[in-house]
Amino acid sequence: MNHPVTGTRDAARTLADWLAEADRVLITAGAGLSAAAGYDYGDEDRFRELFPALHALGLRSRYLVGVPLPPELWWGYWAVHIDDIRFSPAPNPLYRRLRELVGDTDHWVMTSNVDGLFARNGFAADHVFTPQGDYGRYQCSRPCTDTTWNSRPLVDRLLAAYDPATGAVTDPGALPRCPNCGGAVEINVRIGPQFVETPYLPELNGLQDWLGATPPDARLLVLEFGAGFNTPGVIRVPGEHLTRGLPGARLVRVNPTHPEIPEDLAGRALSVPADARDLLGAVDAGNPARLRPRTFQKPEAGRAV
C-alpha cells in the first residue's frame, strides 16, 4: 500500500482538475463522510445530550447493535436516534457542497450510510445505492414478507410516548409489531441474514447498468470518502477493483486514518489523509469550468427520504 503525504491544498487542486476532466463520477462513501458532516456515532457528548438515561447506564456511543436492552429502552433509543440522524429537515452544508462540486457531470452514489443524507441534499434518490439499508424503513424480523414500511410514522408514534428522563417508551401499545404477521420488527438495515434488500434492488440494477455502459477508456472518477476497514468489502475494495479494471479510471481516497492506496494504482489514485470537510472546503468551485452549480432534484415520489 502507498501512503503519499498529500497536503490538503494540493489535494484540492488535483481533485478539481480530475473532476474537470471526468466523463463520469462515482461517489462512494462510508461512515466517515457523515461523521465529517456532523453525525459522528462515537461522539460521547452528543450521545449524552440525546440519551441521558442510556449514558447513566454506562453506554457511550450509538453503536448499540447487540446491546441487550429491554424493548421500551431499545425502541426509545431508535426513535430518538433515527429522528436525529434520518429525519432532520435541515440541509447539510457538506453534502450540498459535494453536490455542487459534481455539478452536471454524469454521476452515481454508492454508500454504506443509512441516513439518507445524499437524497436529502440534492442527489437524485434513484441514483443513490444504499446496500446496507435505510433508517427510513423497517421490516419484519423473521422476515415474513419482503415488504418494508416507512419508519416516519413509527418514529413519530414512539416519540409521542417517549420519556427522556428514563429513556423509555411509556406506552406498550406504541411498541411496533409487524403489520403483516404481528411479530417483531427491526429497522431495515443489514445486521444479519434476515435483512430485506428488495427496496434497494432498482438502484443496484441501475448502478450495474450504468457501470456496464461505461467504456473501458472512459474518464471515470471514483470519489471515496470515509470508507475504512469495518466493512471494506462494501465500499473500499469495490472502488479499487473498479478503478483497476478501467484503464481511464481514477480513484480519490479521502480518509484521515486509512488513506492508503494500492501500489498498482499509483499515478491513478490520490491518497488524501484528511476528512471530507477539510478537503471540500479547500476546493475552489469557481475555478474549473466543469464545476458548475447543481440543480436540486426532488426526491423520488413514494420513497421515504
C-alpha atoms as a PDB file:
ATOM      1  CA  MET A   1       0.000   0.000   0.000  1.00  0.00           C
ATOM      2  CA  ASN A   2       1.103   3.550  -0.750  1.00  0.00           C
ATOM      3  CA  HIS A   3       0.536   6.442   1.623  1.00  0.00           C
ATOM      4  CA  PRO A   4       1.943   9.551  -0.046  1.00  0.00           C
ATOM      5  CA  VAL A   5       1.821  12.673   2.077  1.00  0.00           C
ATOM      6  CA  THR A   6      -0.574  14.985   0.255  1.00  0.00           C
ATOM      7  CA  GLY A   7      -1.310  18.458   1.595  1.00  0.00           C
ATOM      8  CA  THR A   8      -4.961  19.409   1.638  1.00  0.00           C
ATOM      9  CA  ARG A   9      -4.491  22.361  -0.708  1.00  0.00           C
ATOM     10  CA  ASP A  10      -2.519  20.293  -3.212  1.00  0.00           C
ATOM     11  CA  ALA A  11      -5.101  17.521  -2.972  1.00  0.00           C
ATOM     12  CA  ALA A  12      -7.907  20.047  -3.522  1.00  0.00           C
ATOM     13  CA  ARG A  13      -6.224  21.313  -6.701  1.00  0.00           C
ATOM     14  CA  THR A  14      -5.765  17.784  -8.008  1.00  0.00           C
ATOM     15  CA  LEU A  15      -9.361  16.890  -7.159  1.00  0.00           C
ATOM     16  CA  ALA A  16     -10.612  19.978  -9.003  1.00  0.00           C
ATOM     17  CA  ASP A  17      -8.526  19.068 -12.057  1.00  0.00           C
ATOM     18  CA  TRP A  18      -9.645  15.448 -12.059  1.00  0.00           C
ATOM     19  CA  LEU A  19     -13.295  16.465 -11.649  1.00  0.00           C
ATOM     20  CA  ALA A  20     -12.983  18.850 -14.580  1.00  0.00           C
ATOM     21  CA  GLU A  21     -11.540  16.070 -16.738  1.00  0.00           C
ATOM     22  CA  ALA A  22     -14.009  13.359 -15.693  1.00  0.00           C
ATOM     23  CA  ASP A  23     -16.705  11.993 -18.001  1.00  0.00           C
ATOM     24  CA  ARG A  24     -18.429  10.227 -15.119  1.00  0.00           C
ATOM     25  CA  VAL A  25     -18.189  10.308 -11.339  1.00  0.00           C
ATOM     26  CA  LEU A  26     -18.957   7.546  -8.870  1.00  0.00           C
ATOM     27  CA  ILE A  27     -19.153   8.831  -5.291  1.00  0.00           C
ATOM     28  CA  THR A  28     -18.580   6.109  -2.720  1.00  0.00           C
ATOM     29  CA  ALA A  29     -18.958   6.871   0.969  1.00  0.00           C
ATOM     30  CA  GLY A  30     -18.654   5.272   4.364  1.00  0.00           C
ATOM     31  CA  ALA A  31     -19.357   6.442   7.896  1.00  0.00           C
ATOM     32  CA  GLY A  32     -16.503   8.939   7.787  1.00  0.00           C
ATOM     33  CA  LEU A  33     -18.398  11.207   5.405  1.00  0.00           C
ATOM     34  CA  SER A  34     -21.398  11.541   7.697  1.00  0.00           C
ATOM     35  CA  ALA A  35     -19.071  11.943  10.697  1.00  0.00           C
ATOM     36  CA  ALA A  36     -17.380  14.850   8.901  1.00  0.00           C
ATOM     37  CA  ALA A  37     -20.863  16.245   8.227  1.00  0.00           C
ATOM     38  CA  GLY A  38     -21.652  16.286  11.953  1.00  0.00           C
ATOM     39  CA  TYR A  39     -23.143  12.816  12.504  1.00  0.00           C
ATOM     40  CA  ASP A  40     -20.408  11.037  14.439  1.00  0.00           C
ATOM     41  CA  TYR A  41     -21.766   7.886  16.096  1.00  0.00           C
ATOM     42  CA  GLY A  42     -18.832   7.898  18.503  1.00  0.00           C
ATOM     43  CA  ASP A  43     -19.444  11.443  19.769  1.00  0.00           C
ATOM     44  CA  GLU A  44     -19.952  10.900  23.505  1.00  0.00           C
ATOM     45  CA  ASP A  45     -21.069  14.482  24.206  1.00  0.00           C
ATOM     46  CA  ARG A  46     -23.843  14.230  21.628  1.00  0.00           C
ATOM     47  CA  PHE A  47     -24.779  10.798  22.960  1.00  0.00           C
ATOM     48  CA  ARG A  48     -25.062  12.180  26.494  1.00  0.00           C
ATOM     49  CA  GLU A  49     -27.210  15.057  25.229  1.00  0.00           C
ATOM     50  CA  LEU A  50     -29.635  12.836  23.310  1.00  0.00           C
ATOM     51  CA  PHE A  51     -29.651   9.765  25.572  1.00  0.00           C
ATOM     52  CA  PRO A  52     -29.024  10.832  29.196  1.00  0.00           C
ATOM     53  CA  ALA A  53     -30.659   7.720  30.636  1.00  0.00           C
ATOM     54  CA  LEU A  54     -28.568   5.369  28.490  1.00  0.00           C
ATOM     55  CA  HIS A  55     -25.447   7.353  29.323  1.00  0.00           C
ATOM     56  CA  ALA A  56     -26.232   6.914  33.019  1.00  0.00           C
ATOM     57  CA  LEU A  57     -26.330   3.157  32.393  1.00  0.00           C
ATOM     58  CA  GLY A  58     -22.739   3.297  31.136  1.00  0.00           C
ATOM     59  CA  LEU A  59     -23.296   3.426  27.386  1.00  0.00           C
ATOM     60  CA  ARG A  60     -21.148   5.918  25.496  1.00  0.00           C
ATOM     61  CA  SER A  61     -21.895   5.762  21.752  1.00  0.00           C
ATOM     62  CA  ARG A  62     -24.599   4.980  19.225  1.00  0.00           C
ATOM     63  CA  TYR A  63     -23.016   1.651  18.311  1.00  0.00           C
ATOM     64  CA  LEU A  64     -25.651  -0.349  20.180  1.00  0.00           C
ATOM     65  CA  VAL A  65     -26.218  -3.349  17.893  1.00  0.00           C
ATOM     66  CA  GLY A  66     -26.139  -6.392  20.177  1.00  0.00           C
ATOM     67  CA  VAL A  67     -26.611  -4.425  23.413  1.00  0.00           C
ATOM     68  CA  PRO A  68     -29.294  -6.260  25.479  1.00  0.00           C
ATOM     69  CA  LEU A  69     -31.835  -3.535  26.210  1.00  0.00           C
ATOM     70  CA  PRO A  70     -35.497  -4.142  27.103  1.00  0.00           C
ATOM     71  CA  PRO A  71     -37.928  -3.240  24.298  1.00  0.00           C
ATOM     72  CA  GLU A  72     -39.079   0.038  25.855  1.00  0.00           C
ATOM     73  CA  LEU A  73     -35.469   1.301  26.037  1.00  0.00           C
ATOM     74  CA  TRP A  74     -34.465  -0.219  22.699  1.00  0.00           C
ATOM     75  CA  TRP A  75     -37.249   1.485  20.791  1.00  0.00           C
ATOM     76  CA  GLY A  76     -36.812   4.701  22.751  1.00  0.00           C
ATOM     77  CA  TYR A  77     -33.215   4.762  21.549  1.00  0.00           C
ATOM     78  CA  TRP A  78     -34.150   4.003  17.941  1.00  0.00           C
ATOM     79  CA  ALA A  79     -36.846   6.681  17.859  1.00  0.00           C
ATOM     80  CA  VAL A  80     -34.517   9.449  19.058  1.00  0.00           C
ATOM     81  CA  HIS A  81     -31.567   8.205  17.017  1.00  0.00           C
ATOM     82  CA  ILE A  82     -33.466   7.927  13.730  1.00  0.00           C
ATOM     83  CA  ASP A  83     -35.272  11.217  14.245  1.00  0.00           C
ATOM     84  CA  ASP A  84     -31.913  12.932  14.739  1.00  0.00           C
ATOM     85  CA  ILE A  85     -29.929  11.133  12.028  1.00  0.00           C
ATOM     86  CA  ARG A  86     -32.509  10.392   9.329  1.00  0.00           C
ATOM     87  CA  PHE A  87     -35.364  12.863   9.548  1.00  0.00           C
ATOM     88  CA  SER A  88     -33.726  16.143  10.483  1.00  0.00           C
ATOM     89  CA  PRO A  89     -35.135  18.656   7.969  1.00  0.00           C
ATOM     90  CA  ALA A  90     -32.103  20.975   7.997  1.00  0.00           C
ATOM     91  CA  PRO A  91     -29.889  20.948   4.894  1.00  0.00           C
ATOM     92  CA  ASN A  92     -26.378  19.645   5.438  1.00  0.00           C
ATOM     93  CA  PRO A  93     -23.662  22.005   4.151  1.00  0.00           C
ATOM     94  CA  LEU A  94     -21.057  19.298   3.488  1.00  0.00           C
ATOM     95  CA  TYR A  95     -23.346  17.118   1.376  1.00  0.00           C
ATOM     96  CA  ARG A  96     -24.627  20.156  -0.505  1.00  0.00           C
ATOM     97  CA  ARG A  97     -21.065  21.245  -1.159  1.00  0.00           C
ATOM     98  CA  LEU A  98     -20.309  17.831  -2.640  1.00  0.00           C
ATOM     99  CA  ARG A  99     -23.405  18.073  -4.834  1.00  0.00           C
ATOM    100  CA  GLU A 100     -22.256  21.462  -6.091  1.00  0.00           C
ATOM    101  CA  LEU A 101     -18.799  20.158  -6.961  1.00  0.00           C
ATOM    102  CA  VAL A 102     -20.141  17.266  -9.011  1.00  0.00           C
ATOM    103  CA  GLY A 103     -22.343  19.680 -10.914  1.00  0.00           C
ATOM    104  CA  ASP A 104     -23.768  18.385 -14.200  1.00  0.00           C
ATOM    105  CA  THR A 105     -21.249  15.555 -14.613  1.00  0.00           C
ATOM    106  CA  ASP A 106     -22.975  12.175 -15.046  1.00  0.00           C
ATOM    107  CA  HIS A 107     -22.794  10.556 -11.618  1.00  0.00           C
ATOM    108  CA  TRP A 108     -23.968   7.842  -9.248  1.00  0.00           C
ATOM    109  CA  VAL A 109     -23.600   7.293  -5.497  1.00  0.00           C
ATOM    110  CA  MET A 110     -22.910   4.100  -3.563  1.00  0.00           C
ATOM    111  CA  THR A 111     -22.847   4.452   0.212  1.00  0.00           C
ATOM    112  CA  SER A 112     -22.862   2.216   3.258  1.00  0.00           C
ATOM    113  CA  ASN A 113     -24.524   5.052   5.189  1.00  0.00           C
ATOM    114  CA  VAL A 114     -28.201   4.545   6.011  1.00  0.00           C
ATOM    115  CA  ASP A 115     -29.044   8.145   6.902  1.00  0.00           C
ATOM    116  CA  GLY A 116     -30.467   9.344   3.568  1.00  0.00           C
ATOM    117  CA  LEU A 117     -28.211  12.405   3.548  1.00  0.00           C
ATOM    118  CA  PHE A 118     -27.413  12.176  -0.160  1.00  0.00           C
ATOM    119  CA  ALA A 119     -31.057  12.146  -1.287  1.00  0.00           C
ATOM    120  CA  ARG A 120     -31.928  14.847   1.261  1.00  0.00           C
ATOM    121  CA  ASN A 121     -29.272  17.190  -0.107  1.00  0.00           C
ATOM    122  CA  GLY A 122     -29.802  17.340  -3.837  1.00  0.00           C
ATOM    123  CA  PHE A 123     -28.704  13.938  -5.142  1.00  0.00           C
ATOM    124  CA  ALA A 124     -31.348  12.081  -7.143  1.00  0.00           C
ATOM    125  CA  ALA A 125     -32.698   9.251  -4.952  1.00  0.00           C
ATOM    126  CA  ASP A 126     -32.845   6.831  -7.889  1.00  0.00           C
ATOM    127  CA  HIS A 127     -29.087   7.317  -8.418  1.00  0.00           C
ATOM    128  CA  VAL A 128     -28.125   6.522  -4.809  1.00  0.00           C
ATOM    129  CA  PHE A 129     -27.479   2.848  -3.987  1.00  0.00           C
ATOM    130  CA  THR A 130     -27.517   2.032  -0.254  1.00  0.00           C
ATOM    131  CA  PRO A 131     -26.599  -1.669   0.094  1.00  0.00           C
ATOM    132  CA  GLN A 132     -26.705  -1.539   3.902  1.00  0.00           C
ATOM    133  CA  GLY A 133     -30.314  -0.317   4.048  1.00  0.00           C
ATOM    134  CA  ASP A 134     -32.076   2.836   5.185  1.00  0.00           C
ATOM    135  CA  TYR A 135     -33.229   4.123   8.570  1.00  0.00           C
ATOM    136  CA  GLY A 136     -36.274   5.403   6.710  1.00  0.00           C
ATOM    137  CA  ARG A 137     -37.729   1.884   6.515  1.00  0.00           C
ATOM    138  CA  TYR A 138     -38.477  -1.021   8.858  1.00  0.00           C
ATOM    139  CA  GLN A 139     -39.151  -4.709   8.282  1.00  0.00           C
ATOM    140  CA  CYS A 140     -40.389  -7.906   9.881  1.00  0.00           C
ATOM    141  CA  SER A 141     -37.603  -9.530  11.905  1.00  0.00           C
ATOM    142  CA  ARG A 142     -38.268 -13.044  10.585  1.00  0.00           C
ATOM    143  CA  PRO A 143     -38.999 -11.762   7.869  1.00  0.00           C
ATOM    144  CA  CYS A 144     -42.461 -12.992   6.890  1.00  0.00           C
ATOM    145  CA  THR A 145     -42.530 -10.778   3.790  1.00  0.00           C
ATOM    146  CA  ASP A 146     -40.147  -8.811   1.617  1.00  0.00           C
ATOM    147  CA  THR A 147     -42.335  -5.739   2.102  1.00  0.00           C
ATOM    148  CA  THR A 148     -40.840  -2.901   4.151  1.00  0.00           C
ATOM    149  CA  TRP A 149     -42.594   0.099   5.657  1.00  0.00           C
ATOM    150  CA  ASN A 150     -41.927   3.810   6.053  1.00  0.00           C
ATOM    151  CA  SER A 151     -40.451   4.357   9.520  1.00  0.00           C
ATOM    152  CA  ARG A 152     -41.504   8.013   9.826  1.00  0.00           C
ATOM    153  CA  PRO A 153     -44.985   7.249  11.294  1.00  0.00           C
ATOM    154  CA  LEU A 154     -43.418   4.654  13.589  1.00  0.00           C
ATOM    155  CA  VAL A 155     -40.819   7.116  14.877  1.00  0.00           C
ATOM    156  CA  ASP A 156     -43.493   9.772  15.455  1.00  0.00           C
ATOM    157  CA  ARG A 157     -45.609   7.316  17.449  1.00  0.00           C
ATOM    158  CA  LEU A 158     -42.662   6.230  19.566  1.00  0.00           C
ATOM    159  CA  LEU A 159     -41.553   9.796  20.260  1.00  0.00           C
ATOM    160  CA  ALA A 160     -45.055  10.710  21.406  1.00  0.00           C
ATOM    161  CA  ALA A 161     -44.731   8.053  24.124  1.00  0.00           C
ATOM    162  CA  TYR A 162     -41.054   8.640  24.918  1.00  0.00           C
ATOM    163  CA  ASP A 163     -39.842   9.769  28.361  1.00  0.00           C
ATOM    164  CA  PRO A 164     -36.378  11.438  28.088  1.00  0.00           C
ATOM    165  CA  ALA A 165     -35.776  11.055  31.827  1.00  0.00           C
ATOM    166  CA  THR A 166     -35.976   7.257  31.704  1.00  0.00           C
ATOM    167  CA  GLY A 167     -35.144   6.755  28.023  1.00  0.00           C
ATOM    168  CA  ALA A 168     -38.162   4.503  27.712  1.00  0.00           C
ATOM    169  CA  VAL A 169     -41.313   4.329  25.600  1.00  0.00           C
ATOM    170  CA  THR A 170     -44.003   4.558  28.274  1.00  0.00           C
ATOM    171  CA  ASP A 171     -46.938   3.196  26.266  1.00  0.00           C
ATOM    172  CA  PRO A 172     -46.558  -0.544  25.477  1.00  0.00           C
ATOM    173  CA  GLY A 173     -49.106  -0.091  22.719  1.00  0.00           C
ATOM    174  CA  ALA A 174     -46.700   2.193  20.858  1.00  0.00           C
ATOM    175  CA  LEU A 175     -44.090  -0.548  20.514  1.00  0.00           C
ATOM    176  CA  PRO A 176     -44.056  -1.795  16.915  1.00  0.00           C
ATOM    177  CA  ARG A 177     -45.272  -5.098  15.544  1.00  0.00           C
ATOM    178  CA  CYS A 178     -45.143  -6.440  12.012  1.00  0.00           C
ATOM    179  CA  PRO A 179     -48.167  -5.139  10.055  1.00  0.00           C
ATOM    180  CA  ASN A 180     -48.300  -8.465   8.210  1.00  0.00           C
ATOM    181  CA  CYS A 181     -47.814 -11.205  10.838  1.00  0.00           C
ATOM    182  CA  GLY A 182     -47.872  -9.316  14.146  1.00  0.00           C
ATOM    183  CA  GLY A 183     -44.347 -10.433  15.040  1.00  0.00           C
ATOM    184  CA  ALA A 184     -41.253  -8.491  15.998  1.00  0.00           C
ATOM    185  CA  VAL A 185     -39.837  -5.854  13.674  1.00  0.00           C
ATOM    186  CA  GLU A 186     -36.489  -4.127  13.191  1.00  0.00           C
ATOM    187  CA  ILE A 187     -35.098  -1.217  11.251  1.00  0.00           C
ATOM    188  CA  ASN A 188     -34.351  -2.169   7.632  1.00  0.00           C
ATOM    189  CA  VAL A 189     -30.552  -2.158   7.892  1.00  0.00           C
ATOM    190  CA  ARG A 190     -28.141  -5.001   7.184  1.00  0.00           C
ATOM    191  CA  ILE A 191     -27.332  -6.586  10.539  1.00  0.00           C
ATOM    192  CA  GLY A 192     -27.860 -10.234   9.578  1.00  0.00           C
ATOM    193  CA  PRO A 193     -29.250 -12.680   7.005  1.00  0.00           C
ATOM    194  CA  GLN A 194     -32.796 -11.526   7.730  1.00  0.00           C
ATOM    195  CA  PHE A 195     -32.120  -8.197   6.002  1.00  0.00           C
ATOM    196  CA  VAL A 196     -34.725  -7.410   3.321  1.00  0.00           C
ATOM    197  CA  GLU A 197     -32.872  -5.943   0.343  1.00  0.00           C
ATOM    198  CA  THR A 198     -35.852  -5.646  -2.006  1.00  0.00           C
ATOM    199  CA  PRO A 199     -36.201  -1.821  -1.723  1.00  0.00           C
ATOM    200  CA  TYR A 200     -32.625  -1.347  -2.959  1.00  0.00           C
ATOM    201  CA  LEU A 201     -32.627  -3.655  -5.983  1.00  0.00           C
ATOM    202  CA  PRO A 202     -33.786  -0.992  -8.500  1.00  0.00           C
ATOM    203  CA  GLU A 203     -30.803   1.206  -7.615  1.00  0.00           C
ATOM    204  CA  LEU A 204     -28.449  -1.799  -7.645  1.00  0.00           C
ATOM    205  CA  ASN A 205     -29.612  -2.704 -11.133  1.00  0.00           C
ATOM    206  CA  GLY A 206     -29.390   0.903 -12.272  1.00  0.00           C
ATOM    207  CA  LEU A 207     -25.829   1.265 -10.989  1.00  0.00           C
ATOM    208  CA  GLN A 208     -24.771  -2.006 -12.587  1.00  0.00           C
ATOM    209  CA  ASP A 209     -26.266  -0.917 -15.919  1.00  0.00           C
ATOM    210  CA  TRP A 210     -24.510   2.449 -15.672  1.00  0.00           C
ATOM    211  CA  LEU A 211     -21.165   0.840 -14.915  1.00  0.00           C
ATOM    212  CA  GLY A 212     -21.699  -1.755 -17.616  1.00  0.00           C
ATOM    213  CA  ALA A 213     -22.253   1.021 -20.153  1.00  0.00           C
ATOM    214  CA  THR A 214     -19.059   2.813 -19.127  1.00  0.00           C
ATOM    215  CA  PRO A 215     -16.476   2.416 -21.929  1.00  0.00           C
ATOM    216  CA  PRO A 216     -13.106   0.990 -20.781  1.00  0.00           C
ATOM    217  CA  ASP A 217     -11.335   4.214 -21.774  1.00  0.00           C
ATOM    218  CA  ALA A 218     -13.899   6.489 -20.117  1.00  0.00           C
ATOM    219  CA  ARG A 219     -12.540   9.011 -17.651  1.00  0.00           C
ATOM    220  CA  LEU A 220     -14.383   7.670 -14.608  1.00  0.00           C
ATOM    221  CA  LEU A 221     -13.536   9.315 -11.305  1.00  0.00           C
ATOM    222  CA  VAL A 222     -14.230   7.327  -8.127  1.00  0.00           C
ATOM    223  CA  LEU A 223     -14.534   9.702  -5.164  1.00  0.00           C
ATOM    224  CA  GLU A 224     -14.300   7.704  -1.944  1.00  0.00           C
ATOM    225  CA  PHE A 225     -14.988   9.400   1.396  1.00  0.00           C
ATOM    226  CA  GLY A 226     -14.572   7.950   4.867  1.00  0.00           C
ATOM    227  CA  ALA A 227     -14.541   4.246   3.993  1.00  0.00           C
ATOM    228  CA  GLY A 228     -12.266   2.339   6.361  1.00  0.00           C
ATOM    229  CA  PHE A 229     -11.906  -1.300   7.328  1.00  0.00           C
ATOM    230  CA  ASN A 230     -15.080  -2.004   9.322  1.00  0.00           C
ATOM    231  CA  THR A 231     -16.775  -3.279   6.161  1.00  0.00           C
ATOM    232  CA  PRO A 232     -14.122  -2.877   3.438  1.00  0.00           C
ATOM    233  CA  GLY A 233     -15.941  -5.208   1.058  1.00  0.00           C
ATOM    234  CA  VAL A 234     -18.879  -2.818   0.783  1.00  0.00           C
ATOM    235  CA  ILE A 235     -17.178   0.398  -0.377  1.00  0.00           C
ATOM    236  CA  ARG A 236     -13.381   0.377  -0.209  1.00  0.00           C
ATOM    237  CA  VAL A 237     -12.455  -2.810  -2.104  1.00  0.00           C
ATOM    238  CA  PRO A 238     -15.084  -2.456  -4.884  1.00  0.00           C
ATOM    239  CA  GLY A 239     -13.784   1.044  -5.657  1.00  0.00           C
ATOM    240  CA  GLU A 240     -10.263  -0.286  -6.020  1.00  0.00           C
ATOM    241  CA  HIS A 241     -11.389  -3.153  -8.266  1.00  0.00           C
ATOM    242  CA  LEU A 242     -13.414  -0.793 -10.449  1.00  0.00           C
ATOM    243  CA  THR A 243     -10.504   1.606 -10.866  1.00  0.00           C
ATOM    244  CA  ARG A 244      -8.161  -1.286 -11.608  1.00  0.00           C
ATOM    245  CA  GLY A 245     -10.475  -2.664 -14.294  1.00  0.00           C
ATOM    246  CA  LEU A 246     -10.922   0.568 -16.249  1.00  0.00           C
ATOM    247  CA  PRO A 247      -7.667   1.995 -17.661  1.00  0.00           C
ATOM    248  CA  GLY A 248      -9.107   5.501 -17.818  1.00  0.00           C
ATOM    249  CA  ALA A 249     -10.422   5.488 -14.235  1.00  0.00           C
ATOM    250  CA  ARG A 250      -9.004   7.379 -11.270  1.00  0.00           C
ATOM    251  CA  LEU A 251      -9.578   6.996  -7.540  1.00  0.00           C
ATOM    252  CA  VAL A 252      -9.522   9.689  -4.859  1.00  0.00           C
ATOM    253  CA  ARG A 253      -9.465   8.198  -1.347  1.00  0.00           C
ATOM    254  CA  VAL A 254     -10.284  10.700   1.394  1.00  0.00           C
ATOM    255  CA  ASN A 255      -9.763   9.325   4.892  1.00  0.00           C
ATOM    256  CA  PRO A 256      -7.932  10.873   7.863  1.00  0.00           C
ATOM    257  CA  THR A 257      -6.938   7.483   9.339  1.00  0.00           C
ATOM    258  CA  HIS A 258      -6.838   4.997   6.446  1.00  0.00           C
ATOM    259  CA  PRO A 259      -5.943   6.856   3.232  1.00  0.00           C
ATOM    260  CA  GLU A 260      -3.623   4.141   1.839  1.00  0.00           C
ATOM    261  CA  ILE A 261      -3.930   3.232  -1.844  1.00  0.00           C
ATOM    262  CA  PRO A 262      -2.792   0.045  -3.616  1.00  0.00           C
ATOM    263  CA  GLU A 263       0.645   0.245  -5.163  1.00  0.00           C
ATOM    264  CA  ASP A 264      -0.618  -0.910  -8.556  1.00  0.00           C
ATOM    265  CA  LEU A 265      -2.877   2.174  -8.753  1.00  0.00           C
ATOM    266  CA  ALA A 266      -0.031   4.639  -8.229  1.00  0.00           C
ATOM    267  CA  GLY A 267      -0.418   7.532 -10.656  1.00  0.00           C
ATOM    268  CA  ARG A 268      -4.166   6.922 -10.975  1.00  0.00           C
ATOM    269  CA  ALA A 269      -5.078   7.207  -7.307  1.00  0.00           C
ATOM    270  CA  LEU A 270      -4.840  10.089  -4.869  1.00  0.00           C
ATOM    271  CA  SER A 271      -4.429   9.436  -1.141  1.00  0.00           C
ATOM    272  CA  VAL A 272      -5.796  12.279   0.989  1.00  0.00           C
ATOM    273  CA  PRO A 273      -5.175  11.967   4.769  1.00  0.00           C
ATOM    274  CA  ALA A 274      -7.898  14.459   5.702  1.00  0.00           C
ATOM    275  CA  ASP A 275     -11.639  14.442   6.261  1.00  0.00           C
ATOM    276  CA  ALA A 276     -14.160  15.432   3.626  1.00  0.00           C
ATOM    277  CA  ARG A 277     -14.986  18.739   5.255  1.00  0.00           C
ATOM    278  CA  ASP A 278     -11.401  19.969   5.088  1.00  0.00           C
ATOM    279  CA  LEU A 279     -10.843  18.784   1.532  1.00  0.00           C
ATOM    280  CA  LEU A 280     -14.100  20.022   0.001  1.00  0.00           C
ATOM    281  CA  GLY A 281     -13.752  23.313   1.802  1.00  0.00           C
ATOM    282  CA  ALA A 282     -10.412  23.836   0.066  1.00  0.00           C
ATOM    283  CA  VAL A 283     -11.715  23.205  -3.458  1.00  0.00           C
ATOM    284  CA  ASP A 284     -12.383  26.350  -5.468  1.00  0.00           C
ATOM    285  CA  ALA A 285     -15.674  25.575  -7.167  1.00  0.00           C
ATOM    286  CA  GLY A 286     -15.308  28.605  -9.404  1.00  0.00           C
ATOM    287  CA  ASN A 287     -12.000  27.505 -10.940  1.00  0.00           C
ATOM    288  CA  PRO A 288     -12.603  24.628 -13.371  1.00  0.00           C
ATOM    289  CA  ALA A 289     -15.439  25.395 -15.803  1.00  0.00           C
ATOM    290  CA  ARG A 290     -16.907  21.928 -15.238  1.00  0.00           C
ATOM    291  CA  LEU A 291     -17.554  22.603 -11.559  1.00  0.00           C
ATOM    292  CA  ARG A 292     -20.884  24.279 -12.140  1.00  0.00           C
ATOM    293  CA  PRO A 293     -23.615  24.866  -9.557  1.00  0.00           C
ATOM    294  CA  ARG A 294     -26.009  21.937  -9.435  1.00  0.00           C
ATOM    295  CA  THR A 295     -29.772  21.909  -9.872  1.00  0.00           C
ATOM    296  CA  PHE A 296     -31.535  20.237  -6.956  1.00  0.00           C
ATOM    297  CA  GLN A 297     -33.875  17.418  -7.869  1.00  0.00           C
ATOM    298  CA  LYS A 298     -36.989  16.481  -5.975  1.00  0.00           C
ATOM    299  CA  PRO A 299     -36.801  13.163  -4.112  1.00  0.00           C
ATOM    300  CA  GLU A 300     -38.302  10.208  -5.940  1.00  0.00           C
ATOM    301  CA  ALA A 301     -42.051  10.003  -5.350  1.00  0.00           C
ATOM    302  CA  GLY A 302     -43.261   7.296  -2.997  1.00  0.00           C
ATOM    303  CA  ARG A 303     -39.964   6.748  -1.162  1.00  0.00           C
ATOM    304  CA  ALA A 304     -39.073   7.835   2.336  1.00  0.00           C
ATOM    305  CA  VAL A 305     -36.325  10.433   2.153  1.00  0.00           C
END
